Structures are given as structure tokens and as C-alpha cells.
């Protein structure tokens, strides 16, 4: 790949999709978020307030209600798979050390659920 990829031209910017931030702002009216602690990644995607927020963002990006729901379901599934994959690649010993408390301090901030490694 050449260096031209790093230097987009003005004509390139004209073809980039840009979300309608007015639509996004309107879709977020009445959506409450940020008033509870963040949960374990596998529990967070099951929360109704999280789903309402994510659906509002997708609708604000121009997706229909039906499409937004289907996209969100797929996004959540892919997200869970990516996190599980990363945990597996990190090695079972990492997960065991976190759960046993025998790990560097930053590892203790990871939240692992049963069956995630």
C-alpha cells in the first residue's frame, strides 16, 4: 500500500458518509443513560437502558426501527464473540490469575464471566 492512502484528497471527503447529527440528537431525546455503574461486558448488553441508548444511536444514524434492532442484535453477538476471542488469545492463565487475584493491578479491573475463557 502506498503513502497516498494516508493523504486523502478533497474529492475523497465528498464521498464519505456523514451522519445527520440533528437526527442523532433528536433520537436521543428522552433516553436516559449514565445513571448506573457499568456492568460486566456480558451483562451490559442485556440491560434495557443500554439497548434503548444503542437503538437510539442507530436510529439517529438513519436506520429504521426494524433494521436497528436486527443490527443491534448482531452487533452485540459479535461484540461478545470478539471479547471471548481476546480472552482466549490472552490465555487461560490470565483469566485464572485475575480470578485468583494473583495478577498485576490493571488485570484486576477486568471482569470475567463464567464460560468466557
Protein backbone atom coordinates (compact mmCIF):
# COMPACT_ATOMS: atom_id res chain seq x y z
CA UNK A 1 0.00 0.00 0.00
CA UNK A 2 1.42 3.38 -0.96
CA UNK A 3 1.56 6.56 1.06
CA UNK A 4 -1.36 8.02 -0.90
CA UNK A 5 -3.74 6.21 1.41
CA UNK A 6 -2.55 8.46 4.21
CA UNK A 7 -3.24 11.65 2.24
CA UNK A 8 -6.89 11.80 1.19
CA UNK A 9 -7.84 14.34 -1.44
CA UNK A 10 -10.71 16.82 -1.20
CA UNK A 11 -12.74 14.71 -3.63
CA UNK A 12 -12.40 11.78 -1.22
CA UNK A 13 -14.07 13.74 1.55
CA UNK A 14 -17.10 14.44 -0.64
CA UNK A 15 -17.81 10.70 -0.89
CA UNK A 16 -17.56 9.97 2.85
CA UNK A 17 -20.88 9.31 4.58
CA UNK A 18 -21.61 11.80 7.35
CA UNK A 19 -24.31 11.20 9.96
CA UNK A 20 -27.03 13.80 10.43
CA UNK A 21 -26.20 14.96 13.95
CA UNK A 22 -29.54 16.76 14.21
CA UNK A 23 -31.31 13.45 13.64
CA UNK A 24 -28.99 11.79 16.14
CA UNK A 25 -29.74 14.46 18.76
CA UNK A 26 -33.49 14.11 18.21
CA UNK A 27 -33.32 10.32 18.53
CA UNK A 28 -31.68 10.66 21.95
CA UNK A 29 -34.45 12.82 23.43
CA UNK A 30 -35.90 11.00 26.43
CA UNK A 31 -33.20 8.33 26.50
CA UNK A 32 -31.73 8.08 29.99
CA UNK A 33 -28.21 6.79 30.39
CA UNK A 34 -25.22 7.14 32.68
CA UNK A 35 -27.12 6.82 35.95
CA UNK A 36 -25.81 3.38 36.93
CA UNK A 37 -22.42 1.68 37.11
CA UNK A 38 -21.16 -0.14 34.05
CA UNK A 39 -21.64 -3.89 34.35
CA UNK A 40 -19.63 -6.87 33.20
CA UNK A 41 -19.49 -6.82 29.40
CA UNK A 42 -21.74 -9.89 29.05
CA UNK A 43 -24.33 -8.37 31.41
CA UNK A 44 -24.12 -4.85 29.98
CA UNK A 45 -25.52 -5.93 26.61
CA UNK A 46 -28.54 -7.44 28.39
CA UNK A 47 -29.55 -4.15 30.05
CA UNK A 48 -32.69 -2.49 28.72
CA UNK A 49 -31.30 1.04 29.16
CA UNK A 50 -28.18 0.08 27.19
CA UNK A 51 -30.34 -1.32 24.40
CA UNK A 52 -32.52 1.81 24.30
CA UNK A 53 -29.43 4.00 24.01
CA UNK A 54 -27.84 1.88 21.29
CA UNK A 55 -31.11 1.70 19.34
CA UNK A 56 -31.49 5.47 19.57
CA UNK A 57 -27.97 5.95 18.19
CA UNK A 58 -28.63 3.56 15.30
CA UNK A 59 -31.94 5.31 14.52
CA UNK A 60 -30.09 8.61 14.71
CA UNK A 61 -27.66 7.30 12.13
CA UNK A 62 -30.61 6.74 9.81
CA UNK A 63 -31.52 3.10 10.32
CA UNK A 64 -35.19 2.13 10.53
CA UNK A 65 -36.55 0.72 13.79
CA UNK A 66 -36.63 -2.82 12.38
CA UNK A 67 -33.16 -2.59 10.86
CA UNK A 68 -31.73 -1.03 14.02
CA UNK A 69 -33.00 -3.93 16.14
CA UNK A 70 -31.55 -6.55 13.82
CA UNK A 71 -28.24 -4.70 13.52
CA UNK A 72 -28.00 -4.26 17.28
CA UNK A 73 -28.62 -7.95 17.94
CA UNK A 74 -25.86 -8.83 15.50
CA UNK A 75 -23.51 -6.18 16.94
CA UNK A 76 -23.99 -7.47 20.48
CA UNK A 77 -23.35 -11.05 19.38
CA UNK A 78 -20.19 -10.05 17.50
CA UNK A 79 -19.03 -7.96 20.46
CA UNK A 80 -19.38 -10.92 22.84
CA UNK A 81 -17.52 -13.17 20.41
CA UNK A 82 -14.67 -10.67 19.99
CA UNK A 83 -14.24 -10.28 23.75
CA UNK A 84 -14.28 -14.05 24.26
CA UNK A 85 -11.78 -14.48 21.46
CA UNK A 86 -9.46 -11.90 23.01
CA UNK A 87 -9.71 -13.62 26.39
CA UNK A 88 -8.86 -16.97 24.81
CA UNK A 89 -5.90 -15.45 22.97
CA UNK A 90 -4.71 -13.88 26.22
CA UNK A 91 -4.55 -17.39 27.62
CA UNK A 92 -6.44 -19.24 30.28
CA UNK A 93 -3.72 -18.44 32.77
CA UNK A 94 -4.62 -14.74 32.50
CA UNK A 95 -8.24 -15.45 33.36
CA UNK A 96 -7.23 -17.72 36.22
CA UNK A 97 -4.80 -15.14 37.63
CA UNK A 98 -7.44 -12.42 37.54
CA UNK A 99 -9.98 -14.57 39.32
CA UNK A 100 -7.42 -15.71 41.90
CA UNK A 101 -6.23 -12.14 42.45
CA UNK A 102 -2.65 -13.06 41.52
CA UNK A 103 -2.05 -10.57 38.75
CA UNK A 104 -0.91 -7.02 38.10
CA UNK A 105 -3.30 -4.38 39.43
CA UNK A 106 -4.72 -3.49 35.98
CA UNK A 107 -5.78 -7.09 35.41
CA UNK A 108 -7.98 -6.93 38.48
CA UNK A 109 -10.14 -4.40 36.67
CA UNK A 110 -11.08 -6.97 34.03
CA UNK A 111 -14.46 -8.58 34.59
CA UNK A 112 -14.73 -12.17 33.54
CA UNK A 113 -17.90 -14.21 33.49
CA UNK A 114 -18.17 -17.96 33.75
CA UNK A 115 -17.66 -19.57 30.38
CA UNK A 116 -15.82 -16.56 28.89
CA UNK A 117 -12.47 -18.33 28.70
